[in-house]
Protein backbone atom coordinates (compact mmCIF):
# COMPACT_ATOMS: atom_id res chain seq x y z
CA MET A 1 26.63 -62.41 67.56
CA LYS A 2 26.61 -63.74 71.30
CA LYS A 3 24.18 -65.83 72.09
CA ARG A 4 22.69 -64.57 75.32
CA VAL A 5 21.08 -66.10 78.58
CA ASN A 6 18.59 -65.38 81.43
CA VAL A 7 19.31 -66.63 84.73
CA VAL A 8 16.21 -65.66 86.65
CA THR A 9 16.73 -65.72 90.43
CA MET A 10 14.04 -67.29 93.33
CA GLY A 11 14.11 -67.84 96.76
CA CYS A 12 17.09 -65.58 99.24
CA SER A 13 20.22 -63.99 99.09
CA LYS A 14 21.75 -67.41 99.09
CA ASN A 15 20.60 -68.04 95.82
CA LEU A 16 21.54 -64.77 94.27
CA VAL A 17 25.03 -65.78 95.34
CA ASP A 18 25.02 -68.89 93.22
CA SER A 19 23.36 -67.00 90.19
CA GLU A 20 25.99 -64.12 90.01
CA VAL A 21 29.05 -66.86 90.28
CA LEU A 22 26.99 -68.69 87.58
CA LEU A 23 26.30 -65.64 85.08
CA ASN A 24 29.78 -64.65 85.80
CA GLN A 25 31.12 -67.57 84.47
CA LEU A 26 28.94 -68.03 81.27
CA GLU A 27 29.65 -64.33 80.75
CA ARG A 28 33.34 -65.45 80.72
CA GLY A 29 32.33 -68.28 78.19
CA LYS A 30 31.38 -65.28 75.63
CA PHE A 31 27.76 -65.08 76.52
CA GLU A 32 25.64 -62.30 76.78
CA VAL A 33 24.04 -63.17 80.22
CA VAL A 34 20.80 -61.26 82.12
CA HIS A 35 19.48 -61.51 85.36
CA ASP A 36 15.58 -61.07 84.33
CA GLY A 37 12.65 -62.33 85.86
CA ASN A 38 10.32 -61.93 82.85
CA GLY A 39 12.59 -61.85 80.11
CA THR A 40 12.11 -63.76 76.77
CA GLY A 41 14.22 -63.90 73.51
CA PHE A 42 17.22 -66.02 74.84
CA ASP A 43 18.65 -68.42 73.52
CA ALA A 44 19.21 -70.43 77.34
CA VAL A 45 17.31 -69.39 80.23
CA PHE A 46 18.37 -71.00 83.58
CA ILE A 47 15.35 -71.26 86.64
CA ASN A 48 17.51 -70.53 90.38
CA THR A 49 14.21 -71.71 92.72
CA CYS A 50 13.35 -72.37 96.13
CA GLY A 51 12.64 -75.53 97.79
CA PHE A 52 11.96 -73.72 101.31
CA ILE A 53 8.15 -73.52 102.37
CA HIS A 54 5.40 -74.14 100.10
CA ASP A 55 4.72 -71.00 98.65
CA ALA A 56 8.14 -70.06 97.35
CA LYS A 57 7.88 -73.92 96.13
CA GLN A 58 4.80 -72.75 94.58
CA GLU A 59 5.92 -69.76 93.17
CA SER A 60 9.18 -71.27 91.26
CA ILE A 61 6.88 -74.10 89.88
CA ASP A 62 4.77 -71.35 88.58
CA MET A 63 8.17 -70.20 86.95
CA ILE A 64 9.54 -73.06 85.31
CA LEU A 65 5.91 -72.72 84.17
CA ASP A 66 5.47 -70.09 82.91
CA TYR A 67 9.39 -70.34 80.59
CA ALA A 68 7.94 -73.82 79.46
CA GLU A 69 5.30 -71.96 77.92
CA ALA A 70 7.64 -69.27 76.37
CA LYS A 71 9.82 -72.04 74.84
CA LYS A 72 6.79 -74.29 73.16
CA ARG A 73 6.46 -70.88 71.83
CA GLY A 74 9.60 -70.83 70.55
CA ASP A 75 10.52 -67.34 72.87
CA ILE A 76 13.29 -68.95 74.46
CA GLY A 77 15.53 -71.94 73.26
CA LYS A 78 16.87 -74.36 75.88
CA LEU A 79 15.04 -74.32 79.60
CA TYR A 80 17.45 -75.25 82.33
CA VAL A 81 16.05 -75.75 86.58
CA MET A 82 18.57 -75.39 89.10
CA GLY A 83 18.49 -74.80 92.95
CA CYS A 84 17.18 -76.07 95.80
CA LEU A 85 13.79 -77.55 94.50
CA SER A 86 15.53 -79.09 91.94
CA GLU A 87 18.11 -80.50 94.41
CA ARG A 88 15.15 -81.83 96.66
CA TYR A 89 12.83 -83.02 93.92
CA GLN A 90 14.41 -83.61 90.91
CA LYS A 91 12.89 -86.75 90.14
CA ASP A 92 9.28 -86.24 90.63
CA LEU A 93 9.99 -82.75 88.40
CA GLU A 94 11.82 -84.53 85.83
CA LYS A 95 8.49 -86.36 85.40
CA GLU A 96 6.25 -83.40 85.79
CA ILE A 97 7.76 -80.74 83.85
CA PRO A 98 9.63 -83.10 81.04
CA GLU A 99 9.88 -79.63 79.04
CA VAL A 100 12.91 -78.70 80.93
CA ASP A 101 15.39 -79.39 79.14
CA ARG A 102 17.85 -80.68 82.04
CA TYR A 103 17.26 -80.25 85.83
CA PHE A 104 20.58 -79.19 87.73
CA GLY A 105 21.73 -80.32 92.00
CA LYS A 106 22.02 -76.83 94.01
CA PHE A 107 25.99 -77.90 93.56
CA ASP A 108 26.33 -78.41 89.82
CA MET A 109 27.70 -75.51 88.74
CA LYS A 110 30.56 -76.99 86.52
CA ALA A 111 28.07 -79.21 85.25
CA MET A 112 25.48 -76.01 84.37
CA VAL A 113 28.84 -74.20 82.66
CA ASP A 114 29.28 -77.67 80.58
CA GLU A 115 25.97 -77.99 79.31
CA LEU A 116 26.86 -74.98 77.15
CA LYS A 117 29.66 -76.00 76.01
CA VAL A 118 31.75 -73.32 78.74
CA THR A 119 34.83 -74.64 80.08
CA PHE A 120 34.43 -73.88 83.49
CA GLN A 121 36.92 -71.50 85.29
CA PRO A 122 37.49 -72.45 88.91
CA GLU A 123 40.28 -70.04 89.54
CA TYR A 124 36.80 -67.47 89.05
CA ILE A 125 34.07 -69.56 91.07
CA TYR A 126 34.72 -66.61 93.90
CA GLU A 127 33.96 -63.74 90.59
CA ARG A 128 30.45 -63.30 89.91
CA LYS A 129 28.23 -60.86 88.16
CA ILE A 130 26.79 -58.08 90.59
CA THR A 131 23.36 -57.52 90.24
CA THR A 132 22.61 -56.02 93.61
CA PRO A 133 22.78 -52.12 93.06
CA SER A 134 26.49 -51.40 92.94
CA HIS A 135 26.94 -50.27 96.79
CA PHE A 136 26.66 -53.60 98.60
CA ALA A 137 26.99 -56.98 97.97
CA TYR A 138 26.13 -60.45 99.66
CA LEU A 139 29.02 -62.32 100.85
CA LYS A 140 28.36 -66.07 101.34
CA ILE A 141 30.99 -67.51 104.03
CA SER A 142 29.12 -70.76 104.29
CA GLU A 143 26.27 -73.69 102.99
CA GLY A 144 24.35 -75.83 105.16
CA CYS A 145 23.34 -75.94 108.12
CA ASN A 146 24.34 -78.96 111.26
CA ARG A 147 20.86 -77.79 113.05
CA SER A 148 17.74 -79.95 113.58
CA CYS A 149 14.37 -77.67 113.53
CA ALA A 150 11.82 -79.78 113.41
CA PHE A 151 10.20 -77.51 110.58
CA CYS A 152 12.88 -77.13 108.58
CA ALA A 153 13.46 -78.62 105.49
CA ILE A 154 17.13 -76.43 104.56
CA PRO A 155 19.06 -79.10 105.84
CA MET A 156 17.67 -81.78 103.22
CA MET A 157 18.88 -79.46 100.33
CA THR A 158 22.46 -78.14 101.32
CA GLY A 159 23.34 -80.66 103.77
CA ARG A 160 25.80 -80.36 106.67
CA HIS A 161 27.12 -77.04 107.72
CA LYS A 162 30.62 -75.75 105.33
CA SER A 163 32.65 -73.14 105.97
CA ARG A 164 34.77 -71.58 103.47
CA THR A 165 38.07 -70.67 104.53
CA ILE A 166 38.76 -67.31 105.51
CA GLU A 167 41.46 -66.85 102.73
CA SER A 168 38.74 -67.32 100.03
CA LEU A 169 36.35 -64.98 102.04
CA VAL A 170 38.88 -62.06 102.17
CA THR A 171 39.87 -63.18 98.36
CA GLU A 172 36.09 -62.69 97.67
CA ALA A 173 36.25 -59.09 99.57
CA ARG A 174 39.15 -57.89 97.81
CA TYR A 175 37.12 -58.37 95.06
CA LEU A 176 34.12 -57.11 95.44
CA ALA A 177 35.77 -54.08 96.86
CA ILE A 178 37.64 -53.47 93.38
CA LYS A 179 34.12 -53.96 91.94
CA GLY A 180 33.06 -51.03 94.07
CA VAL A 181 30.75 -52.40 96.37
CA LYS A 182 30.83 -50.47 100.02
CA GLU A 183 29.09 -52.16 101.95
CA ILE A 184 29.43 -56.35 103.38
CA LEU A 185 26.90 -58.18 104.18
CA LEU A 186 27.60 -61.75 105.66
CA ILE A 187 25.07 -64.34 104.60
CA ALA A 188 24.97 -68.43 105.67
CA GLN A 189 22.11 -70.29 106.97
CA GLU A 190 23.82 -70.43 110.54
CA LEU A 191 26.60 -67.72 110.81
CA SER A 192 27.11 -68.83 114.49
CA TYR A 193 28.68 -71.85 113.34
CA TYR A 194 31.18 -70.45 110.94
CA GLY A 195 34.40 -71.63 110.92
CA ILE A 196 33.95 -74.78 113.56
CA ASP A 197 33.95 -77.14 111.20
CA ILE A 198 37.38 -76.44 109.32
CA TYR A 199 39.11 -75.26 112.24
CA GLY A 200 38.12 -76.17 115.40
CA LYS A 201 36.32 -73.00 117.06
CA SER A 202 34.38 -70.14 115.70
CA ARG A 203 36.41 -67.99 113.51
CA LEU A 204 33.43 -65.57 112.54
CA VAL A 205 35.48 -62.48 114.51
CA ASP A 206 38.77 -63.37 112.12
CA LEU A 207 37.03 -63.27 109.36
CA VAL A 208 34.99 -59.48 110.46
CA ASN A 209 38.42 -58.12 111.15
CA ALA A 210 40.00 -58.92 108.01
CA ILE A 211 37.49 -57.97 105.79
CA SER A 212 36.96 -54.34 107.75
CA GLU A 213 40.97 -54.24 106.92
CA ILE A 214 40.35 -54.49 103.04
CA LYS A 215 40.49 -51.47 101.96
CA GLY A 216 37.31 -49.50 100.16
CA ILE A 217 35.23 -51.53 102.32
CA GLU A 218 33.13 -49.57 104.31
CA TRP A 219 30.40 -51.42 106.04
CA ILE A 220 29.92 -55.31 107.08
CA ARG A 221 26.31 -56.57 108.42
CA LEU A 222 25.64 -59.71 109.68
CA HIS A 223 22.86 -61.70 108.86
CA TYR A 224 21.82 -64.72 110.09
CA LEU A 225 22.75 -65.26 113.58
CA TYR A 226 21.19 -67.72 115.93
CA PRO A 227 20.08 -67.65 119.66
CA THR A 228 22.08 -71.02 120.55
CA LYS A 229 25.59 -70.72 120.98
CA PHE A 230 25.63 -67.78 119.61
CA PRO A 231 29.46 -65.86 119.39
CA PHE A 232 29.62 -63.39 122.46
CA ASP A 233 32.85 -62.55 121.06
CA ILE A 234 31.79 -60.55 117.92
CA LEU A 235 29.70 -58.13 120.83
CA PRO A 236 32.74 -55.98 121.49
CA VAL A 237 33.50 -55.97 117.72
CA MET A 238 30.52 -55.02 116.48
CA ARG A 239 30.13 -51.61 119.09
CA GLU A 240 34.17 -50.80 118.52
CA ASN A 241 34.67 -51.15 114.69
CA PRO A 242 33.47 -48.35 113.22
CA LYS A 243 33.25 -50.80 110.05
CA VAL A 244 30.81 -52.69 111.68
CA CYS A 245 27.35 -51.81 111.15
CA LYS A 246 25.23 -51.98 114.52
CA TYR A 247 22.68 -54.65 112.95
CA LEU A 248 22.09 -58.27 113.92
CA ASP A 249 19.74 -60.90 111.88
CA MET A 250 18.67 -63.66 114.92
CA PRO A 251 15.87 -65.77 113.82
CA LEU A 252 14.05 -66.60 117.39
CA GLN A 253 10.98 -68.55 115.33
CA HIS A 254 8.59 -68.22 118.96
CA ILE A 255 8.53 -68.01 122.80
CA ALA A 256 6.46 -69.81 124.47
CA ASN A 257 8.67 -72.46 125.88
CA PRO A 258 6.63 -75.59 125.12
CA VAL A 259 6.75 -74.77 121.31
CA LEU A 260 10.35 -73.77 121.70
CA LYS A 261 11.22 -77.41 122.82
CA ASN A 262 8.37 -79.33 120.16
CA MET A 263 10.96 -77.09 116.99
CA MET A 264 13.70 -78.71 118.97
CA ARG A 265 15.65 -74.93 119.00
CA HIS A 266 17.32 -76.08 122.06
CA VAL A 267 17.00 -72.62 123.81
CA THR A 268 14.25 -71.30 125.89
CA ARG A 269 12.51 -67.96 126.81
CA GLU A 270 14.14 -67.00 129.43
CA GLU A 271 17.80 -67.59 128.06
CA THR A 272 16.41 -65.69 124.85
CA GLU A 273 15.74 -62.59 127.40
CA ALA A 274 18.94 -63.17 128.98
CA LEU A 275 20.80 -62.66 125.54
CA ILE A 276 18.52 -60.12 124.24
CA LYS A 277 19.60 -58.44 127.12
CA ARG A 278 23.05 -58.93 126.71
CA ILE A 279 23.41 -57.82 122.79
CA LYS A 280 21.55 -54.64 124.16
CA GLU A 281 23.72 -53.90 126.41
CA GLU A 282 27.27 -54.56 124.91
CA VAL A 283 26.42 -52.64 121.73
CA PRO A 284 24.38 -50.05 122.83
CA GLY A 285 21.58 -48.75 120.00
CA VAL A 286 21.91 -52.27 118.28
CA ALA A 287 19.28 -52.89 115.52
CA MET A 288 17.23 -56.21 115.79
CA ARG A 289 15.72 -57.84 113.40
CA THR A 290 14.18 -61.61 113.61
CA THR A 291 11.04 -64.05 112.55
CA MET A 292 8.78 -65.30 113.77
CA LEU A 293 7.02 -68.95 113.13
CA VAL A 294 2.89 -69.15 113.94
CA GLY A 295 0.89 -71.66 113.66
CA PHE A 296 4.19 -74.72 114.58
CA PRO A 297 1.76 -78.19 115.31
CA GLY A 298 0.78 -77.56 119.24
CA GLU A 299 0.67 -74.29 119.44
CA THR A 300 -2.45 -73.11 121.22
CA ASP A 301 -4.08 -69.79 122.37
CA GLU A 302 -2.04 -69.40 125.17
CA ASP A 303 1.32 -70.04 123.33
CA PHE A 304 0.37 -67.33 120.74
CA GLU A 305 -0.65 -64.55 122.92
CA GLU A 306 2.30 -65.19 124.77
CA LEU A 307 4.79 -64.49 121.26
CA LYS A 308 2.47 -61.15 120.53
CA ALA A 309 2.96 -59.69 124.26
CA PHE A 310 6.85 -60.79 124.15
CA ILE A 311 7.03 -59.04 119.81
CA GLU A 312 4.97 -55.70 121.78
CA GLU A 313 7.32 -55.78 124.59
CA THR A 314 10.85 -56.30 122.79
CA ARG A 315 10.00 -53.74 120.41
CA PHE A 316 12.54 -55.16 117.03
CA ASP A 317 13.50 -52.64 114.57
CA ARG A 318 12.43 -55.52 112.02
CA LEU A 319 10.33 -58.16 111.72
CA GLY A 320 9.03 -61.20 109.74
CA VAL A 321 6.67 -63.36 110.54
CA PHE A 322 5.38 -66.87 108.65
CA PRO A 323 3.39 -69.09 108.50
CA PHE A 324 3.80 -73.23 109.71
CA SER A 325 4.74 -75.01 106.18
CA ASN A 326 4.69 -78.65 106.52
CA GLU A 327 7.10 -79.77 105.05
CA GLU A 328 7.94 -83.35 103.70
CA GLY A 329 11.03 -85.58 105.32
CA THR A 330 11.17 -82.72 108.25
CA TYR A 331 10.97 -83.75 111.65
CA ALA A 332 7.19 -82.26 112.56
CA TYR A 333 5.89 -84.35 109.52
CA LYS A 334 6.58 -87.25 110.85
CA HIS A 335 5.57 -87.16 114.07
CA PHE A 336 3.25 -83.88 115.01
CA LYS A 337 -0.09 -84.97 113.52
CA ASP A 338 -1.92 -81.60 115.08
CA LYS A 339 -1.34 -79.61 112.21
CA LEU A 340 -3.37 -76.45 111.74
């Protein structure tokens, strides 16, 4: 009888991709694998955690504690924790929640597989057990981030930007197409920087064009393009290539210049408005999603009202809003005393 392993995913789509890679490796190792946030009765459970902001960290900790109790009751066997929270707070977690059998960092895939006495198969590292609805899948094109936004702890967990090669990504996209995937969602912490570290220049357009040639792939969607150093050469591709969705997910975070400066976003309101205007002119009918962060230290009522008016005027197709989270180790945590 096969041993059963559950992988629980917290946080973002990038974490989900890591979970899918682990599921595939374990399934190849003859385990029965499940992707279930609440199940018990498993020989082992991996919790893939998020360490981005306070609420996300608390959700991950609560999940660990729930499964620690399940382990005490004998409802599961081994309990393992992986992902960003473990990468960032491993020693603290080992001290506070010793019921966990082992904590792994974000990039310890081989060690996770070895822990269950499975032979790690690097030739299959880009093959995944797809957990999304069968028509779409995420494709993570890079890890890490070179930006230094004052509020963000992600670079502390993921390190500097590391692009994958176009060849490896096309190989993975072909695998996804064989699995029946029709829509590829390109994800990274920062799509705009893709290729610069390994090719010396942005290669996002080359990557998109290469994926669009794969038989079976019908749509390509871009997530997380930043307003600074925006790759304008992607706009004609988006306009003219029928496989590239007229869709942009571009986190702006704020619009008031004093707040943008304090956030270390390296962009102004005027530059942001000019960018949005150009995008809409070059790609008629483009759908735009963004996220905003409110309550950053020093934000005034006037800054907030300016942001609100900008949102009402711009009419984004989708909008996410987050409250400021005072994260240890960030520039804001160290240098701003005026915390809301």
